[in-house]
């Protein structure tokens, strides 16, 4: 039964897991997303801090990215194996002690900074 689930996951995943760089909560990433407007397709970038990764190493893995745009917090959830994701760039590695950093939602400005991993 377990082998069957792994087989279905391997067949259903459009992209191999090694195609994206490794990132975790606290990292700043730039996600290139395909946006379709009418019959045209363009690529939009969404840069922010990864808040969480959910369902690791499965075909339903998602990650949440948060950014602050004009003093308003914007969060977006991306399925990792979505065909609409063109690429993911890791801009900065963050040093956090938690897997889900929801506490950033209540902070703003300098209080919302994350130390960089060196």
PDB file of N, CA and C in Angstrom:
ATOM      1  N   UNK A   1       0.834  -1.202   0.000  1.00  0.00           N
ATOM      2  CA  UNK A   1       0.000   0.000   0.000  1.00  0.00           C
ATOM      3  C   UNK A   1       0.870   1.254   0.000  1.00  0.00           C
ATOM      4  N   UNK A   2       1.903   1.258   0.827  1.00  0.00           N
ATOM      5  CA  UNK A   2       2.782   2.414   0.930  1.00  0.00           C
ATOM      6  C   UNK A   2       3.528   2.660  -0.376  1.00  0.00           C
ATOM      7  N   UNK A   3       3.947   1.559  -1.043  1.00  0.00           N
ATOM      8  CA  UNK A   3       4.638   1.695  -2.316  1.00  0.00           C
ATOM      9  C   UNK A   3       3.721   2.264  -3.386  1.00  0.00           C
ATOM     10  N   UNK A   4       2.443   1.905  -3.331  1.00  0.00           N
ATOM     11  CA  UNK A   4       1.480   2.406  -4.304  1.00  0.00           C
ATOM     12  C   UNK A   4       1.313   3.915  -4.178  1.00  0.00           C
ATOM     13  N   UNK A   5       1.275   4.416  -2.949  1.00  0.00           N
ATOM     14  CA  UNK A   5       1.148   5.863  -2.720  1.00  0.00           C
ATOM     15  C   UNK A   5       2.373   6.590  -3.251  1.00  0.00           C
ATOM     16  N   UNK A   6       3.566   6.039  -3.005  1.00  0.00           N
ATOM     17  CA  UNK A   6       4.789   6.661  -3.513  1.00  0.00           C
ATOM     18  C   UNK A   6       4.822   6.641  -5.035  1.00  0.00           C
ATOM     19  N   UNK A   7       4.323   5.554  -5.643  1.00  0.00           N
ATOM     20  CA  UNK A   7       4.295   5.460  -7.099  1.00  0.00           C
ATOM     21  C   UNK A   7       3.360   6.510  -7.701  1.00  0.00           C
ATOM     22  N   UNK A   8       2.177   6.655  -7.108  1.00  0.00           N
ATOM     23  CA  UNK A   8       1.211   7.646  -7.608  1.00  0.00           C
ATOM     24  C   UNK A   8       1.773   9.056  -7.438  1.00  0.00           C
ATOM     25  N   UNK A   9       2.436   9.335  -6.313  1.00  0.00           N
ATOM     26  CA  UNK A   9       3.081  10.631  -6.108  1.00  0.00           C
ATOM     27  C   UNK A   9       4.136  10.897  -7.174  1.00  0.00           C
ATOM     28  N   UNK A  10       4.939   9.895  -7.482  1.00  0.00           N
ATOM     29  CA  UNK A  10       6.004  10.071  -8.475  1.00  0.00           C
ATOM     30  C   UNK A  10       5.438  10.319  -9.865  1.00  0.00           C
ATOM     31  N   UNK A  11       4.328   9.670 -10.188  1.00  0.00           N
ATOM     32  CA  UNK A  11       3.717   9.851 -11.511  1.00  0.00           C
ATOM     33  C   UNK A  11       3.000  11.186 -11.617  1.00  0.00           C
ATOM     34  N   UNK A  12       2.359  11.612 -10.541  1.00  0.00           N
ATOM     35  CA  UNK A  12       1.545  12.833 -10.578  1.00  0.00           C
ATOM     36  C   UNK A  12       2.363  14.110 -10.461  1.00  0.00           C
ATOM     37  N   UNK A  13       3.551  14.050  -9.859  1.00  0.00           N
ATOM     38  CA  UNK A  13       4.360  15.257  -9.706  1.00  0.00           C
ATOM     39  C   UNK A  13       4.901  15.701 -11.055  1.00  0.00           C
ATOM     40  N   UNK A  14       4.524  16.903 -11.529  1.00  0.00           N
ATOM     41  CA  UNK A  14       5.017  17.347 -12.827  1.00  0.00           C
ATOM     42  C   UNK A  14       6.491  17.717 -12.807  1.00  0.00           C
ATOM     43  N   UNK A  15       7.011  18.155 -11.670  1.00  0.00           N
ATOM     44  CA  UNK A  15       8.400  18.581 -11.570  1.00  0.00           C
ATOM     45  C   UNK A  15       9.100  17.738 -10.513  1.00  0.00           C
ATOM     46  N   UNK A  16      10.322  17.327 -10.764  1.00  0.00           N
ATOM     47  CA  UNK A  16      11.038  16.590  -9.711  1.00  0.00           C
ATOM     48  C   UNK A  16      11.353  17.494  -8.530  1.00  0.00           C
ATOM     49  N   UNK A  17      11.489  16.906  -7.370  1.00  0.00           N
ATOM     50  CA  UNK A  17      11.689  17.679  -6.142  1.00  0.00           C
ATOM     51  C   UNK A  17      13.016  18.422  -6.144  1.00  0.00           C
ATOM     52  N   UNK A  18      13.991  17.947  -6.883  1.00  0.00           N
ATOM     53  CA  UNK A  18      15.302  18.580  -6.894  1.00  0.00           C
ATOM     54  C   UNK A  18      15.383  19.810  -7.771  1.00  0.00           C
ATOM     55  N   UNK A  19      14.325  20.146  -8.460  1.00  0.00           N
ATOM     56  CA  UNK A  19      14.365  21.274  -9.391  1.00  0.00           C
ATOM     57  C   UNK A  19      14.360  22.619  -8.671  1.00  0.00           C
ATOM     58  N   UNK A  20      13.717  22.692  -7.510  1.00  0.00           N
ATOM     59  CA  UNK A  20      13.653  23.934  -6.762  1.00  0.00           C
ATOM     60  C   UNK A  20      14.774  23.971  -5.726  1.00  0.00           C
ATOM     61  N   UNK A  21      15.265  25.161  -5.387  1.00  0.00           N
ATOM     62  CA  UNK A  21      16.287  25.241  -4.342  1.00  0.00           C
ATOM     63  C   UNK A  21      15.684  24.912  -2.977  1.00  0.00           C
ATOM     64  N   UNK A  22      16.521  24.520  -2.057  1.00  0.00           N
ATOM     65  CA  UNK A  22      16.014  24.214  -0.722  1.00  0.00           C
ATOM     66  C   UNK A  22      15.805  25.528   0.031  1.00  0.00           C
ATOM     67  N   UNK A  23      14.650  25.663   0.635  1.00  0.00           N
ATOM     68  CA  UNK A  23      14.328  26.835   1.442  1.00  0.00           C
ATOM     69  C   UNK A  23      13.420  26.413   2.569  1.00  0.00           C
ATOM     70  N   UNK A  24      13.360  27.266   3.601  1.00  0.00           N
ATOM     71  CA  UNK A  24      12.544  26.943   4.767  1.00  0.00           C
ATOM     72  C   UNK A  24      11.932  28.231   5.301  1.00  0.00           C
ATOM     73  N   UNK A  25      11.230  28.131   6.399  1.00  0.00           N
ATOM     74  CA  UNK A  25      10.619  29.304   7.008  1.00  0.00           C
ATOM     75  C   UNK A  25      11.700  30.294   7.418  1.00  0.00           C
ATOM     76  N   UNK A  26      11.466  31.565   7.166  1.00  0.00           N
ATOM     77  CA  UNK A  26      12.423  32.611   7.498  1.00  0.00           C
ATOM     78  C   UNK A  26      13.234  33.073   6.308  1.00  0.00           C
ATOM     79  N   UNK A  27      13.269  32.289   5.239  1.00  0.00           N
ATOM     80  CA  UNK A  27      14.027  32.670   4.052  1.00  0.00           C
ATOM     81  C   UNK A  27      13.237  33.673   3.219  1.00  0.00           C
ATOM     82  N   UNK A  28      13.952  34.575   2.562  1.00  0.00           N
ATOM     83  CA  UNK A  28      13.323  35.510   1.632  1.00  0.00           C
ATOM     84  C   UNK A  28      13.453  34.927   0.236  1.00  0.00           C
ATOM     85  N   UNK A  29      12.319  34.741  -0.430  1.00  0.00           N
ATOM     86  CA  UNK A  29      12.317  34.121  -1.751  1.00  0.00           C
ATOM     87  C   UNK A  29      11.637  35.030  -2.763  1.00  0.00           C
ATOM     88  N   UNK A  30      11.988  34.818  -4.009  1.00  0.00           N
ATOM     89  CA  UNK A  30      11.367  35.510  -5.129  1.00  0.00           C
ATOM     90  C   UNK A  30      10.725  34.437  -5.991  1.00  0.00           C
ATOM     91  N   UNK A  31       9.387  34.414  -6.037  1.00  0.00           N
ATOM     92  CA  UNK A  31       8.652  33.387  -6.761  1.00  0.00           C
ATOM     93  C   UNK A  31       8.188  33.983  -8.091  1.00  0.00           C
ATOM     94  N   UNK A  32       8.558  33.342  -9.197  1.00  0.00           N
ATOM     95  CA  UNK A  32       8.139  33.772 -10.527  1.00  0.00           C
ATOM     96  C   UNK A  32       6.898  32.963 -10.897  1.00  0.00           C
ATOM     97  N   UNK A  33       5.754  33.651 -11.046  1.00  0.00           N
ATOM     98  CA  UNK A  33       4.475  32.994 -11.280  1.00  0.00           C
ATOM     99  C   UNK A  33       3.945  33.395 -12.651  1.00  0.00           C
ATOM    100  N   UNK A  34       3.432  32.409 -13.392  1.00  0.00           N
ATOM    101  CA  UNK A  34       2.811  32.696 -14.680  1.00  0.00           C
ATOM    102  C   UNK A  34       1.395  33.213 -14.444  1.00  0.00           C
ATOM    103  N   UNK A  35       1.078  34.355 -15.050  1.00  0.00           N
ATOM    104  CA  UNK A  35      -0.250  34.957 -14.950  1.00  0.00           C
ATOM    105  C   UNK A  35      -0.828  35.012 -16.359  1.00  0.00           C
ATOM    106  N   UNK A  36      -2.051  34.495 -16.516  1.00  0.00           N
ATOM    107  CA  UNK A  36      -2.683  34.516 -17.834  1.00  0.00           C
ATOM    108  C   UNK A  36      -3.734  35.612 -17.866  1.00  0.00           C
ATOM    109  N   UNK A  37      -3.563  36.544 -18.788  1.00  0.00           N
ATOM    110  CA  UNK A  37      -4.521  37.636 -18.990  1.00  0.00           C
ATOM    111  C   UNK A  37      -5.042  37.528 -20.410  1.00  0.00           C
ATOM    112  N   UNK A  38      -6.273  37.042 -20.550  1.00  0.00           N
ATOM    113  CA  UNK A  38      -6.806  36.822 -21.891  1.00  0.00           C
ATOM    114  C   UNK A  38      -6.056  35.676 -22.541  1.00  0.00           C
ATOM    115  N   UNK A  39      -5.438  35.960 -23.689  1.00  0.00           N
ATOM    116  CA  UNK A  39      -4.658  34.920 -24.358  1.00  0.00           C
ATOM    117  C   UNK A  39      -3.151  35.152 -24.210  1.00  0.00           C
ATOM    118  N   UNK A  40      -2.757  36.116 -23.386  1.00  0.00           N
ATOM    119  CA  UNK A  40      -1.343  36.391 -23.150  1.00  0.00           C
ATOM    120  C   UNK A  40      -0.923  35.831 -21.800  1.00  0.00           C
ATOM    121  N   UNK A  41       0.309  35.376 -21.744  1.00  0.00           N
ATOM    122  CA  UNK A  41       0.865  34.858 -20.497  1.00  0.00           C
ATOM    123  C   UNK A  41       2.079  35.699 -20.149  1.00  0.00           C
ATOM    124  N   UNK A  42       2.117  36.185 -18.902  1.00  0.00           N
ATOM    125  CA  UNK A  42       3.272  36.952 -18.446  1.00  0.00           C
ATOM    126  C   UNK A  42       3.737  36.381 -17.122  1.00  0.00           C
ATOM    127  N   UNK A  43       4.933  36.778 -16.712  1.00  0.00           N
ATOM    128  CA  UNK A  43       5.489  36.280 -15.460  1.00  0.00           C
ATOM    129  C   UNK A  43       5.512  37.409 -14.442  1.00  0.00           C
ATOM    130  N   UNK A  44       4.929  37.149 -13.287  1.00  0.00           N
ATOM    131  CA  UNK A  44       4.872  38.124 -12.203  1.00  0.00           C
ATOM    132  C   UNK A  44       5.730  37.616 -11.054  1.00  0.00           C
ATOM    133  N   UNK A  45       6.466  38.508 -10.430  1.00  0.00           N
ATOM    134  CA  UNK A  45       7.323  38.124  -9.320  1.00  0.00           C
ATOM    135  C   UNK A  45       6.658  38.496  -7.998  1.00  0.00           C
ATOM    136  N   UNK A  46       6.756  37.587  -7.040  1.00  0.00           N
ATOM    137  CA  UNK A  46       6.231  37.824  -5.695  1.00  0.00           C
ATOM    138  C   UNK A  46       7.372  37.549  -4.735  1.00  0.00           C
ATOM    139  N   UNK A  47       7.916  38.608  -4.128  1.00  0.00           N
ATOM    140  CA  UNK A  47       9.059  38.464  -3.238  1.00  0.00           C
ATOM    141  C   UNK A  47       8.629  38.729  -1.807  1.00  0.00           C
ATOM    142  N   UNK A  48       8.994  37.821  -0.917  1.00  0.00           N
ATOM    143  CA  UNK A  48       8.646  37.985   0.484  1.00  0.00           C
ATOM    144  C   UNK A  48       9.298  36.917   1.341  1.00  0.00           C
ATOM    145  N   UNK A  49       8.876  36.854   2.585  1.00  0.00           N
ATOM    146  CA  UNK A  49       9.421  35.918   3.564  1.00  0.00           C
ATOM    147  C   UNK A  49       8.552  34.675   3.636  1.00  0.00           C
ATOM    148  N   UNK A  50       9.179  33.519   3.650  1.00  0.00           N
ATOM    149  CA  UNK A  50       8.438  32.266   3.771  1.00  0.00           C
ATOM    150  C   UNK A  50       7.974  32.132   5.216  1.00  0.00           C
ATOM    151  N   UNK A  51       6.664  32.006   5.391  1.00  0.00           N
ATOM    152  CA  UNK A  51       6.069  31.877   6.719  1.00  0.00           C
ATOM    153  C   UNK A  51       6.037  30.405   7.143  1.00  0.00           C
ATOM    154  N   UNK A  52       5.740  29.516   6.196  1.00  0.00           N
ATOM    155  CA  UNK A  52       5.618  28.098   6.522  1.00  0.00           C
ATOM    156  C   UNK A  52       5.735  27.249   5.270  1.00  0.00           C
ATOM    157  N   UNK A  53       6.051  25.984   5.469  1.00  0.00           N
ATOM    158  CA  UNK A  53       5.940  24.957   4.433  1.00  0.00           C
ATOM    159  C   UNK A  53       5.060  23.869   5.012  1.00  0.00           C
ATOM    160  N   UNK A  54       4.069  23.451   4.255  1.00  0.00           N
ATOM    161  CA  UNK A  54       3.092  22.497   4.753  1.00  0.00           C
ATOM    162  C   UNK A  54       3.100  21.232   3.887  1.00  0.00           C
ATOM    163  N   UNK A  55       2.847  20.076   4.478  1.00  0.00           N
ATOM    164  CA  UNK A  55       2.839  18.768   3.812  1.00  0.00           C
ATOM    165  C   UNK A  55       4.170  18.488   3.117  1.00  0.00           C
ATOM    166  N   UNK A  56       5.268  18.451   3.866  1.00  0.00           N
ATOM    167  CA  UNK A  56       6.573  18.262   3.221  1.00  0.00           C
ATOM    168  C   UNK A  56       6.697  16.908   2.533  1.00  0.00           C
ATOM    169  N   UNK A  57       7.441  16.886   1.450  1.00  0.00           N
ATOM    170  CA  UNK A  57       7.752  15.703   0.639  1.00  0.00           C
ATOM    171  C   UNK A  57       6.508  14.934   0.207  1.00  0.00           C
ATOM    172  N   UNK A  58       5.462  15.664  -0.175  1.00  0.00           N
ATOM    173  CA  UNK A  58       4.286  15.037  -0.778  1.00  0.00           C
ATOM    174  C   UNK A  58       3.881  15.872  -1.983  1.00  0.00           C
ATOM    175  N   UNK A  59       2.974  15.338  -2.780  1.00  0.00           N
ATOM    176  CA  UNK A  59       2.572  16.062  -3.983  1.00  0.00           C
ATOM    177  C   UNK A  59       1.712  17.278  -3.661  1.00  0.00           C
ATOM    178  N   UNK A  60       1.181  17.347  -2.443  1.00  0.00           N
ATOM    179  CA  UNK A  60       0.348  18.476  -2.047  1.00  0.00           C
ATOM    180  C   UNK A  60       1.086  19.513  -1.231  1.00  0.00           C
ATOM    181  N   UNK A  61       2.403  19.562  -1.345  1.00  0.00           N
ATOM    182  CA  UNK A  61       3.190  20.488  -0.533  1.00  0.00           C
ATOM    183  C   UNK A  61       2.930  21.928  -0.948  1.00  0.00           C
ATOM    184  N   UNK A  62       2.722  22.786   0.045  1.00  0.00           N
ATOM    185  CA  UNK A  62       2.496  24.208  -0.204  1.00  0.00           C
ATOM    186  C   UNK A  62       3.421  25.025   0.680  1.00  0.00           C
ATOM    187  N   UNK A  63       3.634  26.276   0.288  1.00  0.00           N
ATOM    188  CA  UNK A  63       4.390  27.201   1.119  1.00  0.00           C
ATOM    189  C   UNK A  63       3.725  28.560   1.057  1.00  0.00           C
ATOM    190  N   UNK A  64       3.794  29.297   2.161  1.00  0.00           N
ATOM    191  CA  UNK A  64       3.163  30.602   2.280  1.00  0.00           C
ATOM    192  C   UNK A  64       4.241  31.667   2.303  1.00  0.00           C
ATOM    193  N   UNK A  65       4.059  32.705   1.475  1.00  0.00           N
ATOM    194  CA  UNK A  65       5.008  33.807   1.395  1.00  0.00           C
ATOM    195  C   UNK A  65       4.285  35.078   1.821  1.00  0.00           C
ATOM    196  N   UNK A  66       4.951  35.870   2.679  1.00  0.00           N
ATOM    197  CA  UNK A  66       4.364  37.112   3.179  1.00  0.00           C
ATOM    198  C   UNK A  66       5.241  38.282   2.799  1.00  0.00           C
ATOM    199  N   UNK A  67       4.613  39.342   2.318  1.00  0.00           N
ATOM    200  CA  UNK A  67       5.329  40.590   2.061  1.00  0.00           C
ATOM    201  C   UNK A  67       4.468  41.741   2.538  1.00  0.00           C
ATOM    202  N   UNK A  68       5.082  42.902   2.730  1.00  0.00           N
ATOM    203  CA  UNK A  68       4.360  44.102   3.129  1.00  0.00           C
ATOM    204  C   UNK A  68       4.397  45.055   1.952  1.00  0.00           C
ATOM    205  N   UNK A  69       3.225  45.408   1.450  1.00  0.00           N
ATOM    206  CA  UNK A  69       3.113  46.287   0.300  1.00  0.00           C
ATOM    207  C   UNK A  69       2.281  47.507   0.692  1.00  0.00           C
ATOM    208  N   UNK A  70       2.928  48.662   0.707  1.00  0.00           N
ATOM    209  CA  UNK A  70       2.264  49.927   1.084  1.00  0.00           C
ATOM    210  C   UNK A  70       1.602  49.815   2.451  1.00  0.00           C
ATOM    211  N   UNK A  71       2.376  49.305   3.416  1.00  0.00           N
ATOM    212  CA  UNK A  71       1.965  49.157   4.809  1.00  0.00           C
ATOM    213  C   UNK A  71       0.812  48.176   5.021  1.00  0.00           C
ATOM    214  N   UNK A  72       0.554  47.318   4.040  1.00  0.00           N
ATOM    215  CA  UNK A  72      -0.474  46.288   4.164  1.00  0.00           C
ATOM    216  C   UNK A  72       0.202  44.940   3.962  1.00  0.00           C
ATOM    217  N   UNK A  73       0.010  44.026   4.898  1.00  0.00           N
ATOM    218  CA  UNK A  73       0.606  42.698   4.776  1.00  0.00           C
ATOM    219  C   UNK A  73      -0.159  41.861   3.769  1.00  0.00           C
ATOM    220  N   UNK A  74       0.563  41.221   2.859  1.00  0.00           N
ATOM    221  CA  UNK A  74      -0.033  40.371   1.830  1.00  0.00           C
ATOM    222  C   UNK A  74       0.590  38.988   1.944  1.00  0.00           C
ATOM    223  N   UNK A  75      -0.250  37.968   2.076  1.00  0.00           N
ATOM    224  CA  UNK A  75       0.231  36.595   2.123  1.00  0.00           C
ATOM    225  C   UNK A  75      -0.343  35.829   0.952  1.00  0.00           C
ATOM    226  N   UNK A  76       0.479  34.969   0.385  1.00  0.00           N
ATOM    227  CA  UNK A  76       0.040  34.187  -0.762  1.00  0.00           C
ATOM    228  C   UNK A  76       0.512  32.750  -0.568  1.00  0.00           C
ATOM    229  N   UNK A  77      -0.369  31.802  -0.820  1.00  0.00           N
ATOM    230  CA  UNK A  77      -0.061  30.388  -0.668  1.00  0.00           C
ATOM    231  C   UNK A  77       0.193  29.807  -2.047  1.00  0.00           C
ATOM    232  N   UNK A  78       1.339  29.148  -2.206  1.00  0.00           N
ATOM    233  CA  UNK A  78       1.716  28.548  -3.480  1.00  0.00           C
ATOM    234  C   UNK A  78       1.818  27.040  -3.329  1.00  0.00           C
ATOM    235  N   UNK A  79       1.199  26.260  -4.223  1.00  0.00           N
ATOM    236  CA  UNK A  79       1.506  24.827  -4.273  1.00  0.00           C
ATOM    237  C   UNK A  79       2.894  24.664  -4.889  1.00  0.00           C
ATOM    238  N   UNK A  80       3.745  23.870  -4.271  1.00  0.00           N
ATOM    239  CA  UNK A  80       5.130  23.761  -4.724  1.00  0.00           C
ATOM    240  C   UNK A  80       5.226  23.184  -6.128  1.00  0.00           C
ATOM    241  N   UNK A  81       4.397  22.204  -6.453  1.00  0.00           N
ATOM    242  CA  UNK A  81       4.477  21.539  -7.750  1.00  0.00           C
ATOM    243  C   UNK A  81       3.465  22.081  -8.740  1.00  0.00           C
ATOM    244  N   UNK A  82       3.059  23.334  -8.584  1.00  0.00           N
ATOM    245  CA  UNK A  82       2.116  23.947  -9.500  1.00  0.00           C
ATOM    246  C   UNK A  82       2.788  24.249 -10.840  1.00  0.00           C
ATOM    247  N   UNK A  83       2.105  24.013 -11.955  1.00  0.00           N
ATOM    248  CA  UNK A  83       2.695  24.358 -13.250  1.00  0.00           C
ATOM    249  C   UNK A  83       2.787  25.864 -13.474  1.00  0.00           C
ATOM    250  N   UNK A  84       2.096  26.653 -12.654  1.00  0.00           N
ATOM    251  CA  UNK A  84       2.153  28.102 -12.815  1.00  0.00           C
ATOM    252  C   UNK A  84       3.408  28.715 -12.202  1.00  0.00           C
ATOM    253  N   UNK A  85       4.152  27.957 -11.394  1.00  0.00           N
ATOM    254  CA  UNK A  85       5.402  28.468 -10.824  1.00  0.00           C
ATOM    255  C   UNK A  85       6.524  28.224 -11.820  1.00  0.00           C
ATOM    256  N   UNK A  86       7.107  29.305 -12.297  1.00  0.00           N
ATOM    257  CA  UNK A  86       8.204  29.218 -13.259  1.00  0.00           C
ATOM    258  C   UNK A  86       9.511  28.862 -12.558  1.00  0.00           C
ATOM    259  N   UNK A  87       9.867  29.630 -11.523  1.00  0.00           N
ATOM    260  CA  UNK A  87      11.063  29.320 -10.747  1.00  0.00           C
ATOM    261  C   UNK A  87      10.989  30.005  -9.394  1.00  0.00           C
ATOM    262  N   UNK A  88      11.831  29.539  -8.488  1.00  0.00           N
ATOM    263  CA  UNK A  88      11.924  30.100  -7.143  1.00  0.00           C
ATOM    264  C   UNK A  88      13.385  30.455  -6.899  1.00  0.00           C
ATOM    265  N   UNK A  89      13.624  31.701  -6.510  1.00  0.00           N
ATOM    266  CA  UNK A  89      14.974  32.155  -6.190  1.00  0.00           C
ATOM    267  C   UNK A  89      15.047  32.443  -4.693  1.00  0.00           C
ATOM    268  N   UNK A  90      16.064  31.937  -4.038  1.00  0.00           N
ATOM    269  CA  UNK A  90      16.280  32.241  -2.623  1.00  0.00           C
ATOM    270  C   UNK A  90      17.198  33.454  -2.560  1.00  0.00           C
ATOM    271  N   UNK A  91      16.674  34.575  -2.064  1.00  0.00           N
ATOM    272  CA  UNK A  91      17.439  35.816  -1.988  1.00  0.00           C
ATOM    273  C   UNK A  91      18.269  35.895  -0.717  1.00  0.00           C
ATOM    274  N   UNK A  92      17.719  35.349   0.394  1.00  0.00           N
ATOM    275  CA  UNK A  92      18.357  35.524   1.693  1.00  0.00           C
ATOM    276  C   UNK A  92      17.937  34.379   2.598  1.00  0.00           C
ATOM    277  N   UNK A  93      18.885  33.810   3.305  1.00  0.00           N
ATOM    278  CA  UNK A  93      18.588  32.745   4.261  1.00  0.00           C
ATOM    279  C   UNK A  93      18.368  33.376   5.629  1.00  0.00           C
ATOM    280  N   UNK A  94      17.253  33.055   6.253  1.00  0.00           N
ATOM    281  CA  UNK A  94      16.944  33.623   7.562  1.00  0.00           C
ATOM    282  C   UNK A  94      17.221  32.638   8.678  1.00  0.00           C
ATOM    283  N   UNK A  95      17.526  33.171   9.853  1.00  0.00           N
ATOM    284  CA  UNK A  95      17.775  32.333  11.023  1.00  0.00           C
ATOM    285  C   UNK A  95      16.580  32.447  11.959  1.00  0.00           C
ATOM    286  N   UNK A  96      15.753  31.422  11.977  1.00  0.00           N
ATOM    287  CA  UNK A  96      14.595  31.383  12.873  1.00  0.00           C
ATOM    288  C   UNK A  96      14.612  30.057  13.626  1.00  0.00           C
ATOM    289  N   UNK A  97      13.882  30.010  14.725  1.00  0.00           N
ATOM    290  CA  UNK A  97      13.884  28.815  15.558  1.00  0.00           C
ATOM    291  C   UNK A  97      12.575  28.045  15.466  1.00  0.00           C
ATOM    292  N   UNK A  98      11.702  28.455  14.588  1.00  0.00           N
ATOM    293  CA  UNK A  98      10.401  27.809  14.450  1.00  0.00           C
ATOM    294  C   UNK A  98      10.144  27.421  13.003  1.00  0.00           C
ATOM    295  N   UNK A  99       9.264  26.461  12.796  1.00  0.00           N
ATOM    296  CA  UNK A  99       8.921  26.023  11.449  1.00  0.00           C
ATOM    297  C   UNK A  99       7.814  26.898  10.859  1.00  0.00           C
ATOM    298  N   UNK A 100       7.019  27.521  11.724  1.00  0.00           N
ATOM    299  CA  UNK A 100       5.923  28.374  11.254  1.00  0.00           C
ATOM    300  C   UNK A 100       6.013  29.692  12.008  1.00  0.00           C
ATOM    301  N   UNK A 101       6.321  30.739  11.309  1.00  0.00           N
ATOM    302  CA  UNK A 101       6.607  32.010  11.980  1.00  0.00           C
ATOM    303  C   UNK A 101       5.430  32.973  11.810  1.00  0.00           C
ATOM    304  N   UNK A 102       4.293  32.560  12.388  1.00  0.00           N
ATOM    305  CA  UNK A 102       3.091  33.379  12.325  1.00  0.00           C
ATOM    306  C   UNK A 102       3.222  34.661  13.144  1.00  0.00           C
ATOM    307  N   UNK A 103       4.190  34.710  14.051  1.00  0.00           N
ATOM    308  CA  UNK A 103       4.335  35.888  14.889  1.00  0.00           C
ATOM    309  C   UNK A 103       4.709  37.124  14.087  1.00  0.00           C
ATOM    310  N   UNK A 104       5.157  36.976  12.852  1.00  0.00           N
ATOM    311  CA  UNK A 104       5.467  38.139  12.017  1.00  0.00           C
ATOM    312  C   UNK A 104       4.217  38.940  11.665  1.00  0.00           C
ATOM    313  N   UNK A 105       3.062  38.304  11.720  1.00  0.00           N
ATOM    314  CA  UNK A 105       1.816  38.994  11.369  1.00  0.00           C
ATOM    315  C   UNK A 105       1.524  40.143  12.316  1.00  0.00           C
ATOM    316  N   UNK A 106       1.930  40.024  13.554  1.00  0.00           N
ATOM    317  CA  UNK A 106       1.647  41.067  14.530  1.00  0.00           C
ATOM    318  C   UNK A 106       2.739  42.114  14.645  1.00  0.00           C
ATOM    319  N   UNK A 107       3.789  41.992  13.849  1.00  0.00           N
ATOM    320  CA  UNK A 107       4.901  42.937  13.951  1.00  0.00           C
ATOM    321  C   UNK A 107       5.028  43.729  12.662  1.00  0.00           C
ATOM    322  N   UNK A 108       5.633  44.915  12.780  1.00  0.00           N
ATOM    323  CA  UNK A 108       5.848  45.723  11.578  1.00  0.00           C
ATOM    324  C   UNK A 108       7.141  46.515  11.737  1.00  0.00           C
ATOM    325  N   UNK A 109       7.685  46.941  10.635  1.00  0.00           N
ATOM    326  CA  UNK A 109       8.908  47.739  10.657  1.00  0.00           C
ATOM    327  C   UNK A 109      10.115  46.940  11.103  1.00  0.00           C
ATOM    328  N   UNK A 110      10.927  47.547  11.972  1.00  0.00           N
ATOM    329  CA  UNK A 110      12.158  46.901  12.424  1.00  0.00           C
ATOM    330  C   UNK A 110      11.882  45.673  13.280  1.00  0.00           C
ATOM    331  N   UNK A 111      10.742  45.622  13.928  1.00  0.00           N
ATOM    332  CA  UNK A 111      10.415  44.476  14.781  1.00  0.00           C
ATOM    333  C   UNK A 111      10.170  43.215  13.957  1.00  0.00           C
ATOM    334  N   UNK A 112       9.870  43.376  12.682  1.00  0.00           N
ATOM    335  CA  UNK A 112       9.568  42.232  11.818  1.00  0.00           C
ATOM    336  C   UNK A 112      10.801  41.711  11.093  1.00  0.00           C
ATOM    337  N   UNK A 113      11.974  42.217  11.439  1.00  0.00           N
ATOM    338  CA  UNK A 113      13.194  41.763  10.766  1.00  0.00           C
ATOM    339  C   UNK A 113      13.579  40.358  11.234  1.00  0.00           C
ATOM    340  N   UNK A 114      14.247  39.636  10.343  1.00  0.00           N
ATOM    341  CA  UNK A 114      14.762  38.312  10.660  1.00  0.00           C
ATOM    342  C   UNK A 114      16.259  38.329  10.448  1.00  0.00           C
ATOM    343  N   UNK A 115      16.999  37.767  11.403  1.00  0.00           N
ATOM    344  CA  UNK A 115      18.455  37.741  11.281  1.00  0.00           C
ATOM    345  C   UNK A 115      18.858  36.847  10.119  1.00  0.00           C
ATOM    346  N   UNK A 116      19.961  37.206   9.480  1.00  0.00           N
ATOM    347  CA  UNK A 116      20.438  36.444   8.336  1.00  0.00           C
ATOM    348  C   UNK A 116      21.366  35.327   8.795  1.00  0.00           C
ATOM    349  N   UNK A 117      21.203  34.169   8.162  1.00  0.00           N
ATOM    350  CA  UNK A 117      22.051  33.034   8.464  1.00  0.00           C
ATOM    351  C   UNK A 117      23.351  33.179   7.687  1.00  0.00           C
ATOM    352  N   UNK A 118      24.483  33.060   8.373  1.00  0.00           N
ATOM    353  CA  UNK A 118      25.765  33.242   7.683  1.00  0.00           C
ATOM    354  C   UNK A 118      26.556  31.962   7.682  1.00  0.00           C
TER     355      UNK A 118
END
